[in-house]
Amino acid sequence: MSMTSIFRAGFLTSFLFLALASTAIAAESPSDSKADSLARSILEKSDEIRFPAQGFQVDVDIISSSPGVTPEKRKYRILSKGNENTVVMILEPASERGQIMLMKGRDLWVFMPDVSQPIRLGLAQRLTGQVANGDLARANFSGDYNSKLLRTEKLDGEEYYVLELDAVDRSVTYHRVMLWVNKSNYRPRKAEFYSLSGRLLKTSTYENFETMAGKPRPARMLIQDALKVGDTSVLDYSNMKLRDLPDKVFNKDYLKKLQ
C-alpha cells in the first residue's frame, strides 16, 4: 500500500471516529438536559413551598443554644421580593432595634441608627448562633445554586429526591448544599451545608408545616452545628403574609422610614 493510501485510510478512520463521537455526544445531550431540567424543577417547587415567589413579610424568632450557656433569643422581620431584594429588621433585643440589613442582588449592608455609613457584610457571615446572614436574606436556593439530582432515598417510609446544589459563584452563602425533597409533595425535609474545602458545616431540618400565605410551609427550621455538638439554632416563622412591595422599599434612603 502506498503512503498516499495509508494517509487516506488514516484520515477516513479519524473522520469516522469523530463522527461517531459527535453522534454519541448529541445522543447524550437531550438526556443530560432533561435531567438538569428535572433537578431545577424539583428545586424551584421546593423553594416555592419554603417561601412565596412574590413579595411577602414574615417574622422570625430565633433561639440559639449551646451546652452550659443561657439560650440567646432574637427576633427579626423580613420583607422580601423575589430573591434579589430583602430587608431584615431587628425587632429584639431592644438594644439593637432599629438596625436593618438590606440585600440587593448579592450585596448586603447593615444600617445602624447611630452610624452614618452602612457597613458591608458577607452572606456567609454569622448573624446569630448557627444562622448566617444569607439564611435570612436569601429567599430561595434556585437563584444561587446549580442543581443535580443524585438519587432517590426512602426516609420514614416516604420517597425523597436527593439534590446536590453547587454554588454559582463564591459570593453565595454556602459552597455546596445537599437537599432532601419529598417526592410526592416537594416539601423540603433536610439540608446539609458544606464549605469550600468540602467540610460539613451544619445541617438543618424543616418542621411544623402550617398553612402560611396560602400554602403549607415549614414554620420551623432547626439548624445544628456539625463541628460543635449541641450547638443549635431554632427558627420559628410566623405572621407570614403576601405584600405588594414597591422597589422603593429596597432603597437605602427609604430605610430611614422603617427604623
C-alpha atoms as a PDB file:
ATOM      1  CA  MET A   1       0.000   0.000   0.000  1.00  0.00           C
ATOM      2  CA  SER A   2       1.305   3.432  -0.930  1.00  0.00           C
ATOM      3  CA  MET A   3       1.866   6.217   1.569  1.00  0.00           C
ATOM      4  CA  THR A   4      -0.999   8.142  -0.040  1.00  0.00           C
ATOM      5  CA  SER A   5      -3.385   5.222   0.508  1.00  0.00           C
ATOM      6  CA  ILE A   6      -2.261   4.838   4.113  1.00  0.00           C
ATOM      7  CA  PHE A   7      -2.800   8.551   4.702  1.00  0.00           C
ATOM      8  CA  ARG A   8      -6.282   8.408   3.164  1.00  0.00           C
ATOM      9  CA  ALA A   9      -7.209   5.358   5.226  1.00  0.00           C
ATOM     10  CA  GLY A  10      -5.990   7.034   8.405  1.00  0.00           C
ATOM     11  CA  PHE A  11      -7.899  10.197   7.566  1.00  0.00           C
ATOM     12  CA  LEU A  12     -11.111   8.266   6.919  1.00  0.00           C
ATOM     13  CA  THR A  13     -10.704   6.340  10.174  1.00  0.00           C
ATOM     14  CA  SER A  14     -10.211   9.562  12.131  1.00  0.00           C
ATOM     15  CA  PHE A  15     -13.174  11.161  10.391  1.00  0.00           C
ATOM     16  CA  LEU A  16     -15.446   8.215  11.185  1.00  0.00           C
ATOM     17  CA  PHE A  17     -14.273   8.211  14.821  1.00  0.00           C
ATOM     18  CA  LEU A  18     -15.049  11.920  15.218  1.00  0.00           C
ATOM     19  CA  ALA A  19     -18.428  11.489  13.531  1.00  0.00           C
ATOM     20  CA  LEU A  20     -19.364   8.628  15.851  1.00  0.00           C
ATOM     21  CA  ALA A  21     -18.168  10.572  18.891  1.00  0.00           C
ATOM     22  CA  SER A  22     -20.218  13.589  17.831  1.00  0.00           C
ATOM     23  CA  THR A  23     -23.277  11.378  17.365  1.00  0.00           C
ATOM     24  CA  ALA A  24     -22.790   9.872  20.829  1.00  0.00           C
ATOM     25  CA  ILE A  25     -22.464  13.310  22.421  1.00  0.00           C
ATOM     26  CA  ALA A  26     -25.552  14.541  20.580  1.00  0.00           C
ATOM     27  CA  ALA A  27     -27.463  11.486  21.751  1.00  0.00           C
ATOM     28  CA  GLU A  28     -26.454  12.112  25.369  1.00  0.00           C
ATOM     29  CA  SER A  29     -27.189  15.839  25.417  1.00  0.00           C
ATOM     30  CA  PRO A  30     -31.021  15.624  25.437  1.00  0.00           C
ATOM     31  CA  SER A  31     -30.866  13.167  28.321  1.00  0.00           C
ATOM     32  CA  ASP A  32     -28.474  15.357  30.295  1.00  0.00           C
ATOM     33  CA  SER A  33     -30.599  18.410  29.557  1.00  0.00           C
ATOM     34  CA  LYS A  34     -33.723  16.582  30.697  1.00  0.00           C
ATOM     35  CA  ALA A  35     -32.037  15.559  33.963  1.00  0.00           C
ATOM     36  CA  ASP A  36     -30.894  19.135  34.615  1.00  0.00           C
ATOM     37  CA  SER A  37     -34.404  20.434  33.915  1.00  0.00           C
ATOM     38  CA  LEU A  38     -35.921  17.890  36.292  1.00  0.00           C
ATOM     39  CA  ALA A  39     -33.492  18.804  39.089  1.00  0.00           C
ATOM     40  CA  ARG A  40     -34.163  22.513  38.613  1.00  0.00           C
ATOM     41  CA  SER A  41     -37.917  21.948  38.561  1.00  0.00           C
ATOM     42  CA  ILE A  42     -37.748  19.993  41.833  1.00  0.00           C
ATOM     43  CA  LEU A  43     -35.667  22.740  43.452  1.00  0.00           C
ATOM     44  CA  GLU A  44     -37.952  25.548  42.288  1.00  0.00           C
ATOM     45  CA  LYS A  45     -41.056  23.741  43.568  1.00  0.00           C
ATOM     46  CA  SER A  46     -39.370  23.165  46.912  1.00  0.00           C
ATOM     47  CA  ASP A  47     -38.370  26.838  47.085  1.00  0.00           C
ATOM     48  CA  GLU A  48     -41.969  27.890  46.440  1.00  0.00           C
ATOM     49  CA  ILE A  49     -43.042  25.841  49.463  1.00  0.00           C
ATOM     50  CA  ARG A  50     -40.411  27.371  51.741  1.00  0.00           C
ATOM     51  CA  PHE A  51     -41.257  30.958  50.777  1.00  0.00           C
ATOM     52  CA  PRO A  52     -43.637  32.738  48.370  1.00  0.00           C
ATOM     53  CA  ALA A  53     -42.209  33.684  44.971  1.00  0.00           C
ATOM     54  CA  GLN A  54     -43.870  37.106  45.157  1.00  0.00           C
ATOM     55  CA  GLY A  55     -43.407  39.851  47.751  1.00  0.00           C
ATOM     56  CA  PHE A  56     -44.007  38.800  51.353  1.00  0.00           C
ATOM     57  CA  GLN A  57     -43.428  39.671  55.002  1.00  0.00           C
ATOM     58  CA  VAL A  58     -42.634  37.261  57.831  1.00  0.00           C
ATOM     59  CA  ASP A  59     -41.463  37.412  61.446  1.00  0.00           C
ATOM     60  CA  VAL A  60     -38.684  35.077  62.599  1.00  0.00           C
ATOM     61  CA  ASP A  61     -37.950  34.188  66.232  1.00  0.00           C
ATOM     62  CA  ILE A  62     -34.520  32.630  66.724  1.00  0.00           C
ATOM     63  CA  ILE A  63     -33.348  30.810  69.839  1.00  0.00           C
ATOM     64  CA  SER A  64     -29.684  29.746  69.786  1.00  0.00           C
ATOM     65  CA  SER A  65     -28.372  27.294  72.367  1.00  0.00           C
ATOM     66  CA  SER A  66     -25.001  25.909  73.430  1.00  0.00           C
ATOM     67  CA  PRO A  67     -24.332  23.421  76.264  1.00  0.00           C
ATOM     68  CA  GLY A  68     -23.962  25.214  79.600  1.00  0.00           C
ATOM     69  CA  VAL A  69     -24.865  28.637  78.141  1.00  0.00           C
ATOM     70  CA  THR A  70     -28.093  30.619  78.562  1.00  0.00           C
ATOM     71  CA  PRO A  71     -30.039  30.483  75.264  1.00  0.00           C
ATOM     72  CA  GLU A  72     -29.969  33.657  73.208  1.00  0.00           C
ATOM     73  CA  LYS A  73     -33.284  34.940  71.847  1.00  0.00           C
ATOM     74  CA  ARG A  74     -33.640  37.295  68.890  1.00  0.00           C
ATOM     75  CA  LYS A  75     -36.495  38.421  66.646  1.00  0.00           C
ATOM     76  CA  TYR A  76     -36.438  39.699  63.061  1.00  0.00           C
ATOM     77  CA  ARG A  77     -38.946  40.934  60.487  1.00  0.00           C
ATOM     78  CA  ILE A  78     -38.228  40.140  56.854  1.00  0.00           C
ATOM     79  CA  LEU A  79     -39.581  41.945  53.801  1.00  0.00           C
ATOM     80  CA  SER A  80     -38.642  40.084  50.623  1.00  0.00           C
ATOM     81  CA  LYS A  81     -39.340  40.405  46.914  1.00  0.00           C
ATOM     82  CA  GLY A  82     -38.038  37.634  44.695  1.00  0.00           C
ATOM     83  CA  ASN A  83     -34.523  36.505  45.518  1.00  0.00           C
ATOM     84  CA  GLU A  84     -32.784  39.796  44.840  1.00  0.00           C
ATOM     85  CA  ASN A  85     -34.365  42.259  47.280  1.00  0.00           C
ATOM     86  CA  THR A  86     -34.651  41.742  51.031  1.00  0.00           C
ATOM     87  CA  VAL A  87     -34.899  43.913  54.126  1.00  0.00           C
ATOM     88  CA  VAL A  88     -34.191  42.303  57.511  1.00  0.00           C
ATOM     89  CA  MET A  89     -35.199  44.390  60.543  1.00  0.00           C
ATOM     90  CA  ILE A  90     -34.060  43.572  64.070  1.00  0.00           C
ATOM     91  CA  LEU A  91     -37.021  43.717  66.474  1.00  0.00           C
ATOM     92  CA  GLU A  92     -35.382  42.155  69.525  1.00  0.00           C
ATOM     93  CA  PRO A  93     -33.253  42.609  71.575  1.00  0.00           C
ATOM     94  CA  ALA A  94     -34.426  46.161  72.239  1.00  0.00           C
ATOM     95  CA  SER A  95     -30.804  47.371  72.386  1.00  0.00           C
ATOM     96  CA  GLU A  96     -30.395  46.538  68.667  1.00  0.00           C
ATOM     97  CA  ARG A  97     -33.847  47.555  67.472  1.00  0.00           C
ATOM     98  CA  GLY A  98     -33.589  49.888  64.501  1.00  0.00           C
ATOM     99  CA  GLN A  99     -30.702  48.049  62.843  1.00  0.00           C
ATOM    100  CA  ILE A 100     -31.612  46.993  59.307  1.00  0.00           C
ATOM    101  CA  MET A 101     -29.931  44.742  56.764  1.00  0.00           C
ATOM    102  CA  LEU A 102     -30.518  45.476  53.091  1.00  0.00           C
ATOM    103  CA  MET A 103     -29.785  42.976  50.334  1.00  0.00           C
ATOM    104  CA  LYS A 104     -29.697  43.999  46.674  1.00  0.00           C
ATOM    105  CA  GLY A 105     -28.667  41.144  44.434  1.00  0.00           C
ATOM    106  CA  ARG A 106     -25.903  39.503  46.468  1.00  0.00           C
ATOM    107  CA  ASP A 107     -24.736  42.769  48.018  1.00  0.00           C
ATOM    108  CA  LEU A 108     -25.583  43.063  51.702  1.00  0.00           C
ATOM    109  CA  TRP A 109     -25.262  46.032  54.069  1.00  0.00           C
ATOM    110  CA  VAL A 110     -26.309  46.777  57.626  1.00  0.00           C
ATOM    111  CA  PHE A 111     -27.614  50.219  58.559  1.00  0.00           C
ATOM    112  CA  MET A 112     -27.409  51.383  62.174  1.00  0.00           C
ATOM    113  CA  PRO A 113     -29.240  54.411  63.603  1.00  0.00           C
ATOM    114  CA  ASP A 114     -26.088  55.864  65.200  1.00  0.00           C
ATOM    115  CA  VAL A 115     -23.708  55.202  62.271  1.00  0.00           C
ATOM    116  CA  SER A 116     -23.825  57.467  59.219  1.00  0.00           C
ATOM    117  CA  GLN A 117     -22.492  54.973  56.658  1.00  0.00           C
ATOM    118  CA  PRO A 118     -23.735  51.428  56.055  1.00  0.00           C
ATOM    119  CA  ILE A 119     -21.400  48.504  56.779  1.00  0.00           C
ATOM    120  CA  ARG A 120     -20.829  45.876  54.079  1.00  0.00           C
ATOM    121  CA  LEU A 121     -21.488  42.285  55.123  1.00  0.00           C
ATOM    122  CA  GLY A 122     -20.965  38.860  53.586  1.00  0.00           C
ATOM    123  CA  LEU A 123     -23.824  36.395  53.127  1.00  0.00           C
ATOM    124  CA  ALA A 124     -21.772  33.652  54.799  1.00  0.00           C
ATOM    125  CA  GLN A 125     -21.010  35.764  57.894  1.00  0.00           C
ATOM    126  CA  ARG A 126     -22.631  34.571  61.107  1.00  0.00           C
ATOM    127  CA  LEU A 127     -25.687  36.544  62.154  1.00  0.00           C
ATOM    128  CA  THR A 128     -26.554  34.769  65.382  1.00  0.00           C
ATOM    129  CA  GLY A 129     -25.968  31.250  66.699  1.00  0.00           C
ATOM    130  CA  GLN A 130     -25.791  28.866  63.744  1.00  0.00           C
ATOM    131  CA  VAL A 131     -27.592  31.315  61.446  1.00  0.00           C
ATOM    132  CA  ALA A 132     -25.701  33.087  58.645  1.00  0.00           C
ATOM    133  CA  ASN A 133     -26.794  36.386  57.128  1.00  0.00           C
ATOM    134  CA  GLY A 134     -27.744  34.594  53.939  1.00  0.00           C
ATOM    135  CA  ASP A 135     -30.054  32.210  55.803  1.00  0.00           C
ATOM    136  CA  LEU A 136     -32.422  35.134  56.334  1.00  0.00           C
ATOM    137  CA  ALA A 137     -31.560  37.436  53.447  1.00  0.00           C
ATOM    138  CA  ARG A 138     -31.807  34.951  50.561  1.00  0.00           C
ATOM    139  CA  ALA A 139     -35.291  33.563  49.994  1.00  0.00           C
ATOM    140  CA  ASN A 140     -34.515  30.557  47.795  1.00  0.00           C
ATOM    141  CA  PHE A 141     -31.837  28.148  46.621  1.00  0.00           C
ATOM    142  CA  SER A 142     -32.577  28.135  42.889  1.00  0.00           C
ATOM    143  CA  GLY A 143     -31.185  31.632  42.367  1.00  0.00           C
ATOM    144  CA  ASP A 144     -27.808  30.758  43.915  1.00  0.00           C
ATOM    145  CA  TYR A 145     -27.101  27.133  43.028  1.00  0.00           C
ATOM    146  CA  ASN A 146     -26.898  24.767  40.081  1.00  0.00           C
ATOM    147  CA  SER A 147     -28.810  21.610  40.930  1.00  0.00           C
ATOM    148  CA  LYS A 148     -28.195  17.946  40.170  1.00  0.00           C
ATOM    149  CA  LEU A 149     -30.449  15.003  41.032  1.00  0.00           C
ATOM    150  CA  LEU A 150     -28.235  12.352  42.615  1.00  0.00           C
ATOM    151  CA  ARG A 151     -30.730   9.696  43.656  1.00  0.00           C
ATOM    152  CA  THR A 152     -33.976   8.965  45.453  1.00  0.00           C
ATOM    153  CA  GLU A 153     -33.936   7.804  49.053  1.00  0.00           C
ATOM    154  CA  LYS A 154     -36.530   6.484  51.480  1.00  0.00           C
ATOM    155  CA  LEU A 155     -36.892   8.195  54.881  1.00  0.00           C
ATOM    156  CA  ASP A 156     -39.570   7.172  57.384  1.00  0.00           C
ATOM    157  CA  GLY A 157     -41.417   5.280  54.668  1.00  0.00           C
ATOM    158  CA  GLU A 158     -41.508   8.164  52.146  1.00  0.00           C
ATOM    159  CA  GLU A 159     -39.514   8.695  48.970  1.00  0.00           C
ATOM    160  CA  TYR A 160     -37.230  11.724  48.708  1.00  0.00           C
ATOM    161  CA  TYR A 161     -35.250  13.299  45.922  1.00  0.00           C
ATOM    162  CA  VAL A 162     -31.649  13.966  46.942  1.00  0.00           C
ATOM    163  CA  LEU A 163     -30.324  17.083  45.209  1.00  0.00           C
ATOM    164  CA  GLU A 164     -26.745  18.318  45.106  1.00  0.00           C
ATOM    165  CA  LEU A 165     -26.558  22.109  44.865  1.00  0.00           C
ATOM    166  CA  ASP A 166     -23.320  23.733  43.725  1.00  0.00           C
ATOM    167  CA  ALA A 167     -22.832  27.473  44.202  1.00  0.00           C
ATOM    168  CA  VAL A 168     -22.923  29.589  41.035  1.00  0.00           C
ATOM    169  CA  ASP A 169     -20.015  31.634  42.438  1.00  0.00           C
ATOM    170  CA  ARG A 170     -18.189  32.335  45.706  1.00  0.00           C
ATOM    171  CA  SER A 171     -20.464  35.203  46.758  1.00  0.00           C
ATOM    172  CA  VAL A 172     -23.322  32.915  47.861  1.00  0.00           C
ATOM    173  CA  THR A 173     -23.836  31.695  51.420  1.00  0.00           C
ATOM    174  CA  TYR A 174     -22.546  28.109  51.067  1.00  0.00           C
ATOM    175  CA  HIS A 175     -20.271  26.396  48.561  1.00  0.00           C
ATOM    176  CA  ARG A 176     -22.400  23.244  48.360  1.00  0.00           C
ATOM    177  CA  VAL A 177     -25.744  22.077  49.731  1.00  0.00           C
ATOM    178  CA  MET A 178     -27.331  18.629  49.855  1.00  0.00           C
ATOM    179  CA  LEU A 179     -31.119  18.884  49.926  1.00  0.00           C
ATOM    180  CA  TRP A 180     -33.763  16.199  50.538  1.00  0.00           C
ATOM    181  CA  VAL A 181     -37.139  16.954  48.892  1.00  0.00           C
ATOM    182  CA  ASN A 182     -40.292  14.881  49.320  1.00  0.00           C
ATOM    183  CA  LYS A 183     -41.076  13.153  46.026  1.00  0.00           C
ATOM    184  CA  SER A 184     -44.867  13.367  46.397  1.00  0.00           C
ATOM    185  CA  ASN A 185     -45.347  16.975  47.539  1.00  0.00           C
ATOM    186  CA  TYR A 186     -41.933  18.705  47.083  1.00  0.00           C
ATOM    187  CA  ARG A 187     -41.664  19.634  50.741  1.00  0.00           C
ATOM    188  CA  PRO A 188     -38.062  20.103  51.899  1.00  0.00           C
ATOM    189  CA  ARG A 189     -37.072  17.616  54.611  1.00  0.00           C
ATOM    190  CA  LYS A 190     -33.457  18.401  55.466  1.00  0.00           C
ATOM    191  CA  ALA A 191     -30.313  20.053  54.138  1.00  0.00           C
ATOM    192  CA  GLU A 192     -26.572  19.748  54.676  1.00  0.00           C
ATOM    193  CA  PHE A 193     -24.315  22.768  54.163  1.00  0.00           C
ATOM    194  CA  TYR A 194     -20.663  22.434  53.114  1.00  0.00           C
ATOM    195  CA  SER A 195     -17.657  24.760  52.975  1.00  0.00           C
ATOM    196  CA  LEU A 196     -15.340  25.339  50.011  1.00  0.00           C
ATOM    197  CA  SER A 197     -12.992  22.658  51.392  1.00  0.00           C
ATOM    198  CA  GLY A 198     -15.835  20.117  51.446  1.00  0.00           C
ATOM    199  CA  ARG A 199     -16.276  20.165  55.232  1.00  0.00           C
ATOM    200  CA  LEU A 200     -19.786  19.734  56.597  1.00  0.00           C
ATOM    201  CA  LEU A 201     -20.645  22.938  58.472  1.00  0.00           C
ATOM    202  CA  LYS A 202     -24.187  22.317  59.683  1.00  0.00           C
ATOM    203  CA  THR A 203     -27.424  20.513  58.999  1.00  0.00           C
ATOM    204  CA  SER A 204     -30.987  21.757  59.037  1.00  0.00           C
ATOM    205  CA  THR A 205     -34.401  20.128  59.191  1.00  0.00           C
ATOM    206  CA  TYR A 206     -37.669  21.704  58.060  1.00  0.00           C
ATOM    207  CA  GLU A 207     -40.502  21.064  60.507  1.00  0.00           C
ATOM    208  CA  ASN A 208     -44.002  22.027  61.692  1.00  0.00           C
ATOM    209  CA  PHE A 209     -45.664  22.568  58.313  1.00  0.00           C
ATOM    210  CA  GLU A 210     -48.515  25.069  58.607  1.00  0.00           C
ATOM    211  CA  THR A 211     -50.619  26.981  56.109  1.00  0.00           C
ATOM    212  CA  MET A 212     -48.971  30.384  55.714  1.00  0.00           C
ATOM    213  CA  ALA A 213     -49.550  32.831  52.851  1.00  0.00           C
ATOM    214  CA  GLY A 214     -51.846  30.319  51.158  1.00  0.00           C
ATOM    215  CA  LYS A 215     -49.630  27.203  51.246  1.00  0.00           C
ATOM    216  CA  PRO A 216     -48.385  24.599  53.734  1.00  0.00           C
ATOM    217  CA  ARG A 217     -44.875  25.787  54.633  1.00  0.00           C
ATOM    218  CA  PRO A 218     -42.274  24.827  57.253  1.00  0.00           C
ATOM    219  CA  ALA A 219     -42.961  27.045  60.250  1.00  0.00           C
ATOM    220  CA  ARG A 220     -39.763  25.887  61.963  1.00  0.00           C
ATOM    221  CA  MET A 221     -36.196  25.230  60.889  1.00  0.00           C
ATOM    222  CA  LEU A 222     -33.737  23.518  63.221  1.00  0.00           C
ATOM    223  CA  ILE A 223     -30.058  24.167  62.485  1.00  0.00           C
ATOM    224  CA  GLN A 224     -27.395  22.004  64.152  1.00  0.00           C
ATOM    225  CA  ASP A 225     -23.677  22.766  64.094  1.00  0.00           C
ATOM    226  CA  ALA A 226     -21.718  19.837  62.625  1.00  0.00           C
ATOM    227  CA  LEU A 227     -18.493  20.882  64.370  1.00  0.00           C
ATOM    228  CA  LYS A 228     -19.758  21.752  67.853  1.00  0.00           C
ATOM    229  CA  VAL A 229     -22.052  19.080  69.233  1.00  0.00           C
ATOM    230  CA  GLY A 230     -25.071  20.560  70.996  1.00  0.00           C
ATOM    231  CA  ASP A 231     -24.901  23.994  69.352  1.00  0.00           C
ATOM    232  CA  THR A 232     -28.292  24.629  67.741  1.00  0.00           C
ATOM    233  CA  SER A 233     -30.497  27.410  66.455  1.00  0.00           C
ATOM    234  CA  VAL A 234     -34.275  27.126  66.123  1.00  0.00           C
ATOM    235  CA  LEU A 235     -36.012  29.491  63.696  1.00  0.00           C
ATOM    236  CA  ASP A 236     -39.788  29.889  64.134  1.00  0.00           C
ATOM    237  CA  TYR A 237     -41.657  31.681  61.324  1.00  0.00           C
ATOM    238  CA  SER A 238     -44.956  33.466  61.995  1.00  0.00           C
ATOM    239  CA  ASN A 239     -47.302  36.157  60.658  1.00  0.00           C
ATOM    240  CA  MET A 240     -46.334  35.430  57.066  1.00  0.00           C
ATOM    241  CA  LYS A 241     -48.371  37.373  54.546  1.00  0.00           C
ATOM    242  CA  LEU A 242     -48.153  38.374  50.920  1.00  0.00           C
ATOM    243  CA  ARG A 243     -47.340  42.048  50.355  1.00  0.00           C
ATOM    244  CA  ASP A 244     -47.124  44.286  47.332  1.00  0.00           C
ATOM    245  CA  LEU A 245     -43.669  45.708  47.982  1.00  0.00           C
ATOM    246  CA  PRO A 246     -42.625  48.534  45.636  1.00  0.00           C
ATOM    247  CA  ASP A 247     -38.985  48.764  44.603  1.00  0.00           C
ATOM    248  CA  LYS A 248     -38.508  51.911  46.707  1.00  0.00           C
ATOM    249  CA  VAL A 249     -38.755  49.802  49.877  1.00  0.00           C
ATOM    250  CA  PHE A 250     -35.386  48.273  48.986  1.00  0.00           C
ATOM    251  CA  ASN A 251     -33.619  51.596  48.733  1.00  0.00           C
ATOM    252  CA  LYS A 252     -31.221  52.809  51.424  1.00  0.00           C
ATOM    253  CA  ASP A 253     -32.978  56.201  51.586  1.00  0.00           C
ATOM    254  CA  TYR A 254     -36.292  54.515  52.345  1.00  0.00           C
ATOM    255  CA  LEU A 255     -34.847  52.517  55.242  1.00  0.00           C
ATOM    256  CA  LYS A 256     -34.977  55.585  57.493  1.00  0.00           C
ATOM    257  CA  LYS A 257     -38.770  55.270  57.437  1.00  0.00           C
ATOM    258  CA  LEU A 258     -38.501  51.706  58.716  1.00  0.00           C
ATOM    259  CA  GLN A 259     -36.107  52.437  61.601  1.00  0.00           C
END
